[in-house]
mmCIF file of all heavy atoms, coordinates in Angstrom:
data_MODEL
# 
_entry.id   MODEL 
# 
loop_
_atom_site.group_PDB 
_atom_site.id 
_atom_site.type_symbol 
_atom_site.label_atom_id 
_atom_site.label_alt_id 
_atom_site.label_comp_id 
_atom_site.label_asym_id 
_atom_site.label_entity_id 
_atom_site.label_seq_id 
_atom_site.pdbx_PDB_ins_code 
_atom_site.Cartn_x 
_atom_site.Cartn_y 
_atom_site.Cartn_z 
_atom_site.occupancy 
_atom_site.B_iso_or_equiv 
_atom_site.pdbx_formal_charge 
_atom_site.auth_seq_id 
_atom_site.auth_comp_id 
_atom_site.auth_asym_id 
_atom_site.auth_atom_id 
_atom_site.pdbx_PDB_model_num 
ATOM 1   N N   . GLU A 1 1  ? 22.705 -13.306 17.772 1.00 0.00 ? 1  GLU A N   1 
ATOM 2   C CA  . GLU A 1 1  ? 23.572 -13.102 18.866 1.00 0.00 ? 1  GLU A CA  1 
ATOM 3   C C   . GLU A 1 1  ? 22.804 -13.117 20.243 1.00 0.00 ? 1  GLU A C   1 
ATOM 4   O O   . GLU A 1 1  ? 23.136 -13.768 21.158 1.00 0.00 ? 1  GLU A O   1 
ATOM 5   C CB  . GLU A 1 1  ? 24.270 -11.815 18.769 1.00 0.00 ? 1  GLU A CB  1 
ATOM 6   C CG  . GLU A 1 1  ? 25.373 -11.502 19.877 1.00 0.00 ? 1  GLU A CG  1 
ATOM 7   C CD  . GLU A 1 1  ? 26.022 -10.209 19.607 1.00 0.00 ? 1  GLU A CD  1 
ATOM 8   O OE1 . GLU A 1 1  ? 25.983 -9.602  18.539 1.00 0.00 ? 1  GLU A OE1 1 
ATOM 9   O OE2 . GLU A 1 1  ? 26.643 -9.712  20.596 1.00 0.00 ? 1  GLU A OE2 1 
ATOM 10  N N   . LEU A 1 2  ? 21.650 -12.532 20.207 1.00 0.00 ? 2  LEU A N   1 
ATOM 11  C CA  . LEU A 1 2  ? 20.794 -12.546 21.353 1.00 0.00 ? 2  LEU A CA  1 
ATOM 12  C C   . LEU A 1 2  ? 20.346 -13.982 21.756 1.00 0.00 ? 2  LEU A C   1 
ATOM 13  O O   . LEU A 1 2  ? 20.185 -14.372 22.918 1.00 0.00 ? 2  LEU A O   1 
ATOM 14  C CB  . LEU A 1 2  ? 19.535 -11.655 21.255 1.00 0.00 ? 2  LEU A CB  1 
ATOM 15  C CG  . LEU A 1 2  ? 19.901 -10.151 21.279 1.00 0.00 ? 2  LEU A CG  1 
ATOM 16  C CD1 . LEU A 1 2  ? 18.669 -9.338  20.811 1.00 0.00 ? 2  LEU A CD1 1 
ATOM 17  C CD2 . LEU A 1 2  ? 20.297 -9.746  22.651 1.00 0.00 ? 2  LEU A CD2 1 
ATOM 18  N N   . ARG A 1 3  ? 19.967 -14.679 20.627 1.00 0.00 ? 3  ARG A N   1 
ATOM 19  C CA  . ARG A 1 3  ? 19.544 -16.105 20.814 1.00 0.00 ? 3  ARG A CA  1 
ATOM 20  C C   . ARG A 1 3  ? 20.641 -16.864 21.528 1.00 0.00 ? 3  ARG A C   1 
ATOM 21  O O   . ARG A 1 3  ? 20.357 -17.737 22.248 1.00 0.00 ? 3  ARG A O   1 
ATOM 22  C CB  . ARG A 1 3  ? 19.230 -16.699 19.431 1.00 0.00 ? 3  ARG A CB  1 
ATOM 23  C CG  . ARG A 1 3  ? 18.247 -17.819 19.518 1.00 0.00 ? 3  ARG A CG  1 
ATOM 24  C CD  . ARG A 1 3  ? 17.676 -18.199 18.169 1.00 0.00 ? 3  ARG A CD  1 
ATOM 25  N NE  . ARG A 1 3  ? 16.785 -17.079 17.590 1.00 0.00 ? 3  ARG A NE  1 
ATOM 26  C CZ  . ARG A 1 3  ? 17.133 -16.344 16.571 1.00 0.00 ? 3  ARG A CZ  1 
ATOM 27  N NH1 . ARG A 1 3  ? 18.214 -16.551 15.896 1.00 0.00 ? 3  ARG A NH1 1 
ATOM 28  N NH2 . ARG A 1 3  ? 16.323 -15.427 16.145 1.00 0.00 ? 3  ARG A NH2 1 
ATOM 29  N N   . ARG A 1 4  ? 21.953 -16.654 21.094 1.00 0.00 ? 4  ARG A N   1 
ATOM 30  C CA  . ARG A 1 4  ? 23.036 -17.392 21.779 1.00 0.00 ? 4  ARG A CA  1 
ATOM 31  C C   . ARG A 1 4  ? 23.212 -16.972 23.219 1.00 0.00 ? 4  ARG A C   1 
ATOM 32  O O   . ARG A 1 4  ? 23.743 -17.785 23.978 1.00 0.00 ? 4  ARG A O   1 
ATOM 33  C CB  . ARG A 1 4  ? 24.389 -17.034 21.015 1.00 0.00 ? 4  ARG A CB  1 
ATOM 34  C CG  . ARG A 1 4  ? 24.474 -17.709 19.634 1.00 0.00 ? 4  ARG A CG  1 
ATOM 35  C CD  . ARG A 1 4  ? 25.886 -17.675 19.010 1.00 0.00 ? 4  ARG A CD  1 
ATOM 36  N NE  . ARG A 1 4  ? 26.320 -16.308 18.718 1.00 0.00 ? 4  ARG A NE  1 
ATOM 37  C CZ  . ARG A 1 4  ? 26.050 -15.647 17.626 1.00 0.00 ? 4  ARG A CZ  1 
ATOM 38  N NH1 . ARG A 1 4  ? 25.385 -16.269 16.618 1.00 0.00 ? 4  ARG A NH1 1 
ATOM 39  N NH2 . ARG A 1 4  ? 26.559 -14.445 17.461 1.00 0.00 ? 4  ARG A NH2 1 
ATOM 40  N N   . MET A 1 5  ? 22.782 -15.760 23.513 1.00 0.00 ? 5  MET A N   1 
ATOM 41  C CA  . MET A 1 5  ? 22.841 -15.294 24.932 1.00 0.00 ? 5  MET A CA  1 
ATOM 42  C C   . MET A 1 5  ? 21.664 -15.969 25.754 1.00 0.00 ? 5  MET A C   1 
ATOM 43  O O   . MET A 1 5  ? 21.583 -15.754 26.982 1.00 0.00 ? 5  MET A O   1 
ATOM 44  C CB  . MET A 1 5  ? 22.535 -13.822 25.025 1.00 0.00 ? 5  MET A CB  1 
ATOM 45  C CG  . MET A 1 5  ? 23.784 -12.973 24.514 1.00 0.00 ? 5  MET A CG  1 
ATOM 46  S SD  . MET A 1 5  ? 23.362 -11.105 24.667 1.00 0.00 ? 5  MET A SD  1 
ATOM 47  C CE  . MET A 1 5  ? 24.734 -10.480 23.829 1.00 0.00 ? 5  MET A CE  1 
ATOM 48  N N   . GLY A 1 6  ? 20.785 -16.594 25.062 1.00 0.00 ? 6  GLY A N   1 
ATOM 49  C CA  . GLY A 1 6  ? 19.599 -17.154 25.704 1.00 0.00 ? 6  GLY A CA  1 
ATOM 50  C C   . GLY A 1 6  ? 18.474 -16.286 25.859 1.00 0.00 ? 6  GLY A C   1 
ATOM 51  O O   . GLY A 1 6  ? 17.521 -16.343 26.776 1.00 0.00 ? 6  GLY A O   1 
ATOM 52  N N   . ILE A 1 7  ? 18.316 -15.185 24.980 1.00 0.00 ? 7  ILE A N   1 
ATOM 53  C CA  . ILE A 1 7  ? 17.380 -14.154 25.098 1.00 0.00 ? 7  ILE A CA  1 
ATOM 54  C C   . ILE A 1 7  ? 16.340 -14.319 23.916 1.00 0.00 ? 7  ILE A C   1 
ATOM 55  O O   . ILE A 1 7  ? 16.789 -14.409 22.758 1.00 0.00 ? 7  ILE A O   1 
ATOM 56  C CB  . ILE A 1 7  ? 17.979 -12.792 25.035 1.00 0.00 ? 7  ILE A CB  1 
ATOM 57  C CG1 . ILE A 1 7  ? 18.894 -12.528 26.257 1.00 0.00 ? 7  ILE A CG1 1 
ATOM 58  C CG2 . ILE A 1 7  ? 16.913 -11.710 24.958 1.00 0.00 ? 7  ILE A CG2 1 
ATOM 59  C CD1 . ILE A 1 7  ? 19.693 -11.280 26.239 1.00 0.00 ? 7  ILE A CD1 1 
ATOM 60  N N   . LYS A 1 8  ? 15.077 -14.410 24.270 1.00 0.00 ? 8  LYS A N   1 
ATOM 61  C CA  . LYS A 1 8  ? 14.087 -14.494 23.259 1.00 0.00 ? 8  LYS A CA  1 
ATOM 62  C C   . LYS A 1 8  ? 13.680 -13.164 22.812 1.00 0.00 ? 8  LYS A C   1 
ATOM 63  O O   . LYS A 1 8  ? 13.465 -12.221 23.667 1.00 0.00 ? 8  LYS A O   1 
ATOM 64  C CB  . LYS A 1 8  ? 12.794 -15.252 23.930 1.00 0.00 ? 8  LYS A CB  1 
ATOM 65  C CG  . LYS A 1 8  ? 11.631 -15.407 22.898 1.00 0.00 ? 8  LYS A CG  1 
ATOM 66  C CD  . LYS A 1 8  ? 10.450 -16.335 23.494 1.00 0.00 ? 8  LYS A CD  1 
ATOM 67  C CE  . LYS A 1 8  ? 9.891  -15.677 24.682 1.00 0.00 ? 8  LYS A CE  1 
ATOM 68  N NZ  . LYS A 1 8  ? 8.765  -16.440 25.286 1.00 0.00 ? 8  LYS A NZ  1 
ATOM 69  N N   . THR A 1 9  ? 13.435 -12.894 21.471 1.00 0.00 ? 9  THR A N   1 
ATOM 70  C CA  . THR A 1 9  ? 13.043 -11.639 20.984 1.00 0.00 ? 9  THR A CA  1 
ATOM 71  C C   . THR A 1 9  ? 11.586 -11.685 20.455 1.00 0.00 ? 9  THR A C   1 
ATOM 72  O O   . THR A 1 9  ? 11.245 -12.621 19.718 1.00 0.00 ? 9  THR A O   1 
ATOM 73  C CB  . THR A 1 9  ? 14.041 -11.161 19.854 1.00 0.00 ? 9  THR A CB  1 
ATOM 74  O OG1 . THR A 1 9  ? 14.066 -12.260 18.902 1.00 0.00 ? 9  THR A OG1 1 
ATOM 75  C CG2 . THR A 1 9  ? 15.374 -10.850 20.473 1.00 0.00 ? 9  THR A CG2 1 
ATOM 76  N N   . ILE A 1 10 ? 10.891 -10.673 20.799 1.00 0.00 ? 10 ILE A N   1 
ATOM 77  C CA  . ILE A 1 10 ? 9.455  -10.579 20.395 1.00 0.00 ? 10 ILE A CA  1 
ATOM 78  C C   . ILE A 1 10 ? 9.251  -9.195  19.813 1.00 0.00 ? 10 ILE A C   1 
ATOM 79  O O   . ILE A 1 10 ? 9.469  -8.175  20.357 1.00 0.00 ? 10 ILE A O   1 
ATOM 80  C CB  . ILE A 1 10 ? 8.466  -10.756 21.614 1.00 0.00 ? 10 ILE A CB  1 
ATOM 81  C CG1 . ILE A 1 10 ? 8.680  -12.132 22.236 1.00 0.00 ? 10 ILE A CG1 1 
ATOM 82  C CG2 . ILE A 1 10 ? 7.028  -10.736 21.005 1.00 0.00 ? 10 ILE A CG2 1 
ATOM 83  C CD1 . ILE A 1 10 ? 7.875  -12.342 23.456 1.00 0.00 ? 10 ILE A CD1 1 
ATOM 84  N N   . MET A 1 11 ? 8.747  -9.109  18.556 1.00 0.00 ? 11 MET A N   1 
ATOM 85  C CA  . MET A 1 11 ? 8.517  -7.860  17.887 1.00 0.00 ? 11 MET A CA  1 
ATOM 86  C C   . MET A 1 11 ? 7.007  -7.494  18.004 1.00 0.00 ? 11 MET A C   1 
ATOM 87  O O   . MET A 1 11 ? 6.116  -8.326  17.819 1.00 0.00 ? 11 MET A O   1 
ATOM 88  C CB  . MET A 1 11 ? 8.826  -8.047  16.411 1.00 0.00 ? 11 MET A CB  1 
ATOM 89  C CG  . MET A 1 11 ? 8.547  -6.774  15.546 1.00 0.00 ? 11 MET A CG  1 
ATOM 90  S SD  . MET A 1 11 ? 8.775  -6.982  13.765 1.00 0.00 ? 11 MET A SD  1 
ATOM 91  C CE  . MET A 1 11 ? 7.205  -7.866  13.360 1.00 0.00 ? 11 MET A CE  1 
ATOM 92  N N   . CYS A 1 12 ? 6.797  -6.306  18.491 1.00 0.00 ? 12 CYS A N   1 
ATOM 93  C CA  . CYS A 1 12 ? 5.351  -5.737  18.598 1.00 0.00 ? 12 CYS A CA  1 
ATOM 94  C C   . CYS A 1 12 ? 5.155  -4.751  17.520 1.00 0.00 ? 12 CYS A C   1 
ATOM 95  O O   . CYS A 1 12 ? 5.948  -3.771  17.268 1.00 0.00 ? 12 CYS A O   1 
ATOM 96  C CB  . CYS A 1 12 ? 5.132  -5.112  19.952 1.00 0.00 ? 12 CYS A CB  1 
ATOM 97  S SG  . CYS A 1 12 ? 4.981  -6.301  21.250 1.00 0.00 ? 12 CYS A SG  1 
ATOM 98  N N   . THR A 1 13 ? 4.026  -4.839  16.841 1.00 0.00 ? 13 THR A N   1 
ATOM 99  C CA  . THR A 1 13 ? 3.790  -3.925  15.767 1.00 0.00 ? 13 THR A CA  1 
ATOM 100 C C   . THR A 1 13 ? 2.223  -3.739  15.614 1.00 0.00 ? 13 THR A C   1 
ATOM 101 O O   . THR A 1 13 ? 1.468  -4.651  15.920 1.00 0.00 ? 13 THR A O   1 
ATOM 102 C CB  . THR A 1 13 ? 4.388  -4.327  14.426 1.00 0.00 ? 13 THR A CB  1 
ATOM 103 O OG1 . THR A 1 13 ? 3.993  -3.503  13.409 1.00 0.00 ? 13 THR A OG1 1 
ATOM 104 C CG2 . THR A 1 13 ? 3.893  -5.790  14.076 1.00 0.00 ? 13 THR A CG2 1 
ATOM 105 N N   . GLY A 1 14 ? 1.861  -2.578  15.107 1.00 0.00 ? 14 GLY A N   1 
ATOM 106 C CA  . GLY A 1 14 ? 0.417  -2.333  14.863 1.00 0.00 ? 14 GLY A CA  1 
ATOM 107 C C   . GLY A 1 14 ? 0.081  -2.822  13.492 1.00 0.00 ? 14 GLY A C   1 
ATOM 108 O O   . GLY A 1 14 ? -1.096 -2.745  13.105 1.00 0.00 ? 14 GLY A O   1 
ATOM 109 N N   . ASP A 1 15 ? 0.995  -3.367  12.731 1.00 0.00 ? 15 ASP A N   1 
ATOM 110 C CA  . ASP A 1 15 ? 0.705  -3.846  11.382 1.00 0.00 ? 15 ASP A CA  1 
ATOM 111 C C   . ASP A 1 15 ? -0.181 -5.153  11.482 1.00 0.00 ? 15 ASP A C   1 
ATOM 112 O O   . ASP A 1 15 ? -0.239 -5.753  12.473 1.00 0.00 ? 15 ASP A O   1 
ATOM 113 C CB  . ASP A 1 15 ? 2.001  -4.294  10.734 1.00 0.00 ? 15 ASP A CB  1 
ATOM 114 C CG  . ASP A 1 15 ? 2.828  -2.963  10.333 1.00 0.00 ? 15 ASP A CG  1 
ATOM 115 O OD1 . ASP A 1 15 ? 2.162  -1.964  10.098 1.00 0.00 ? 15 ASP A OD1 1 
ATOM 116 O OD2 . ASP A 1 15 ? 4.061  -3.160  10.150 1.00 0.00 ? 15 ASP A OD2 1 
ATOM 117 N N   . ASN A 1 16 ? -0.747 -5.470  10.291 1.00 0.00 ? 16 ASN A N   1 
ATOM 118 C CA  . ASN A 1 16 ? -1.605 -6.629  10.281 1.00 0.00 ? 16 ASN A CA  1 
ATOM 119 C C   . ASN A 1 16 ? -0.713 -7.860  10.294 1.00 0.00 ? 16 ASN A C   1 
ATOM 120 O O   . ASN A 1 16 ? 0.516  -7.778  10.072 1.00 0.00 ? 16 ASN A O   1 
ATOM 121 C CB  . ASN A 1 16 ? -2.496 -6.672  8.898  1.00 0.00 ? 16 ASN A CB  1 
ATOM 122 C CG  . ASN A 1 16 ? -1.503 -6.617  7.755  1.00 0.00 ? 16 ASN A CG  1 
ATOM 123 O OD1 . ASN A 1 16 ? -0.910 -7.591  7.472  1.00 0.00 ? 16 ASN A OD1 1 
ATOM 124 N ND2 . ASN A 1 16 ? -1.612 -5.589  6.978  1.00 0.00 ? 16 ASN A ND2 1 
ATOM 125 N N   . PRO A 1 17 ? -1.281 -9.061  10.635 1.00 0.00 ? 17 PRO A N   1 
ATOM 126 C CA  . PRO A 1 17 ? -0.469 -10.289 10.761 1.00 0.00 ? 17 PRO A CA  1 
ATOM 127 C C   . PRO A 1 17 ? 0.407  -10.673 9.574  1.00 0.00 ? 17 PRO A C   1 
ATOM 128 O O   . PRO A 1 17 ? 1.524  -11.159 9.791  1.00 0.00 ? 17 PRO A O   1 
ATOM 129 C CB  . PRO A 1 17 ? -1.540 -11.357 11.065 1.00 0.00 ? 17 PRO A CB  1 
ATOM 130 C CG  . PRO A 1 17 ? -2.700 -10.540 11.633 1.00 0.00 ? 17 PRO A CG  1 
ATOM 131 C CD  . PRO A 1 17 ? -2.720 -9.302  10.921 1.00 0.00 ? 17 PRO A CD  1 
ATOM 132 N N   . LEU A 1 18 ? -0.053 -10.329 8.417  1.00 0.00 ? 18 LEU A N   1 
ATOM 133 C CA  . LEU A 1 18 ? 0.700  -10.681 7.221  1.00 0.00 ? 18 LEU A CA  1 
ATOM 134 C C   . LEU A 1 18 ? 1.960  -9.920  7.128  1.00 0.00 ? 18 LEU A C   1 
ATOM 135 O O   . LEU A 1 18 ? 3.038  -10.422 6.861  1.00 0.00 ? 18 LEU A O   1 
ATOM 136 C CB  . LEU A 1 18 ? -0.160 -10.599 5.966  1.00 0.00 ? 18 LEU A CB  1 
ATOM 137 C CG  . LEU A 1 18 ? 0.385  -11.281 4.703  1.00 0.00 ? 18 LEU A CG  1 
ATOM 138 C CD1 . LEU A 1 18 ? 0.631  -12.765 4.891  1.00 0.00 ? 18 LEU A CD1 1 
ATOM 139 C CD2 . LEU A 1 18 ? -0.642 -11.069 3.591  1.00 0.00 ? 18 LEU A CD2 1 
ATOM 140 N N   . THR A 1 19 ? 1.806  -8.579  7.265  1.00 0.00 ? 19 THR A N   1 
ATOM 141 C CA  . THR A 1 19 ? 2.936  -7.633  7.266  1.00 0.00 ? 19 THR A CA  1 
ATOM 142 C C   . THR A 1 19 ? 3.908  -7.987  8.341  1.00 0.00 ? 19 THR A C   1 
ATOM 143 O O   . THR A 1 19 ? 5.102  -8.091  8.206  1.00 0.00 ? 19 THR A O   1 
ATOM 144 C CB  . THR A 1 19 ? 2.573  -6.169  7.296  1.00 0.00 ? 19 THR A CB  1 
ATOM 145 O OG1 . THR A 1 19 ? 1.656  -5.885  6.253  1.00 0.00 ? 19 THR A OG1 1 
ATOM 146 C CG2 . THR A 1 19 ? 3.693  -5.259  7.329  1.00 0.00 ? 19 THR A CG2 1 
ATOM 147 N N   . ALA A 1 20 ? 3.370  -8.179  9.555  1.00 0.00 ? 20 ALA A N   1 
ATOM 148 C CA  . ALA A 1 20 ? 4.148  -8.529  10.770 1.00 0.00 ? 20 ALA A CA  1 
ATOM 149 C C   . ALA A 1 20 ? 4.960  -9.781  10.561 1.00 0.00 ? 20 ALA A C   1 
ATOM 150 O O   . ALA A 1 20 ? 6.132  -9.892  10.887 1.00 0.00 ? 20 ALA A O   1 
ATOM 151 C CB  . ALA A 1 20 ? 3.267  -8.623  11.920 1.00 0.00 ? 20 ALA A CB  1 
ATOM 152 N N   . ALA A 1 21 ? 4.314  -10.843 9.934  1.00 0.00 ? 21 ALA A N   1 
ATOM 153 C CA  . ALA A 1 21 ? 5.029  -12.114 9.675  1.00 0.00 ? 21 ALA A CA  1 
ATOM 154 C C   . ALA A 1 21 ? 6.164  -11.933 8.697  1.00 0.00 ? 21 ALA A C   1 
ATOM 155 O O   . ALA A 1 21 ? 7.241  -12.511 8.910  1.00 0.00 ? 21 ALA A O   1 
ATOM 156 C CB  . ALA A 1 21 ? 4.029  -13.085 9.229  1.00 0.00 ? 21 ALA A CB  1 
ATOM 157 N N   . THR A 1 22 ? 6.004  -11.101 7.705  1.00 0.00 ? 22 THR A N   1 
ATOM 158 C CA  . THR A 1 22 ? 7.032  -10.878 6.692  1.00 0.00 ? 22 THR A CA  1 
ATOM 159 C C   . THR A 1 22 ? 8.230  -10.149 7.321  1.00 0.00 ? 22 THR A C   1 
ATOM 160 O O   . THR A 1 22 ? 9.377  -10.534 7.109  1.00 0.00 ? 22 THR A O   1 
ATOM 161 C CB  . THR A 1 22 ? 6.495  -10.014 5.538  1.00 0.00 ? 22 THR A CB  1 
ATOM 162 O OG1 . THR A 1 22 ? 5.359  -10.720 4.969  1.00 0.00 ? 22 THR A OG1 1 
ATOM 163 C CG2 . THR A 1 22 ? 7.473  -9.862  4.515  1.00 0.00 ? 22 THR A CG2 1 
ATOM 164 N N   . ILE A 1 23 ? 7.945  -9.157  8.100  1.00 0.00 ? 23 ILE A N   1 
ATOM 165 C CA  . ILE A 1 23 ? 9.072  -8.372  8.732  1.00 0.00 ? 23 ILE A CA  1 
ATOM 166 C C   . ILE A 1 23 ? 9.750  -9.277  9.811  1.00 0.00 ? 23 ILE A C   1 
ATOM 167 O O   . ILE A 1 23 ? 10.991 -9.198  9.868  1.00 0.00 ? 23 ILE A O   1 
ATOM 168 C CB  . ILE A 1 23 ? 8.450  -7.103  9.424  1.00 0.00 ? 23 ILE A CB  1 
ATOM 169 C CG1 . ILE A 1 23 ? 7.947  -6.147  8.306  1.00 0.00 ? 23 ILE A CG1 1 
ATOM 170 C CG2 . ILE A 1 23 ? 9.578  -6.422  10.214 1.00 0.00 ? 23 ILE A CG2 1 
ATOM 171 C CD1 . ILE A 1 23 ? 8.982  -5.489  7.435  1.00 0.00 ? 23 ILE A CD1 1 
ATOM 172 N N   . ALA A 1 24 ? 9.037  -9.908  10.503 1.00 0.00 ? 24 ALA A N   1 
ATOM 173 C CA  . ALA A 1 24 ? 9.550  -10.851 11.562 1.00 0.00 ? 24 ALA A CA  1 
ATOM 174 C C   . ALA A 1 24 ? 10.478 -11.906 10.905 1.00 0.00 ? 24 ALA A C   1 
ATOM 175 O O   . ALA A 1 24 ? 11.623 -12.234 11.442 1.00 0.00 ? 24 ALA A O   1 
ATOM 176 C CB  . ALA A 1 24 ? 8.497  -11.531 12.346 1.00 0.00 ? 24 ALA A CB  1 
# 
């Protein structure tokens, strides 16, 4: 829905890249 509004979403996390990629 945010994408349709033209809004980009960025997730910030202290997790390692592999965990972050899976959650993202």
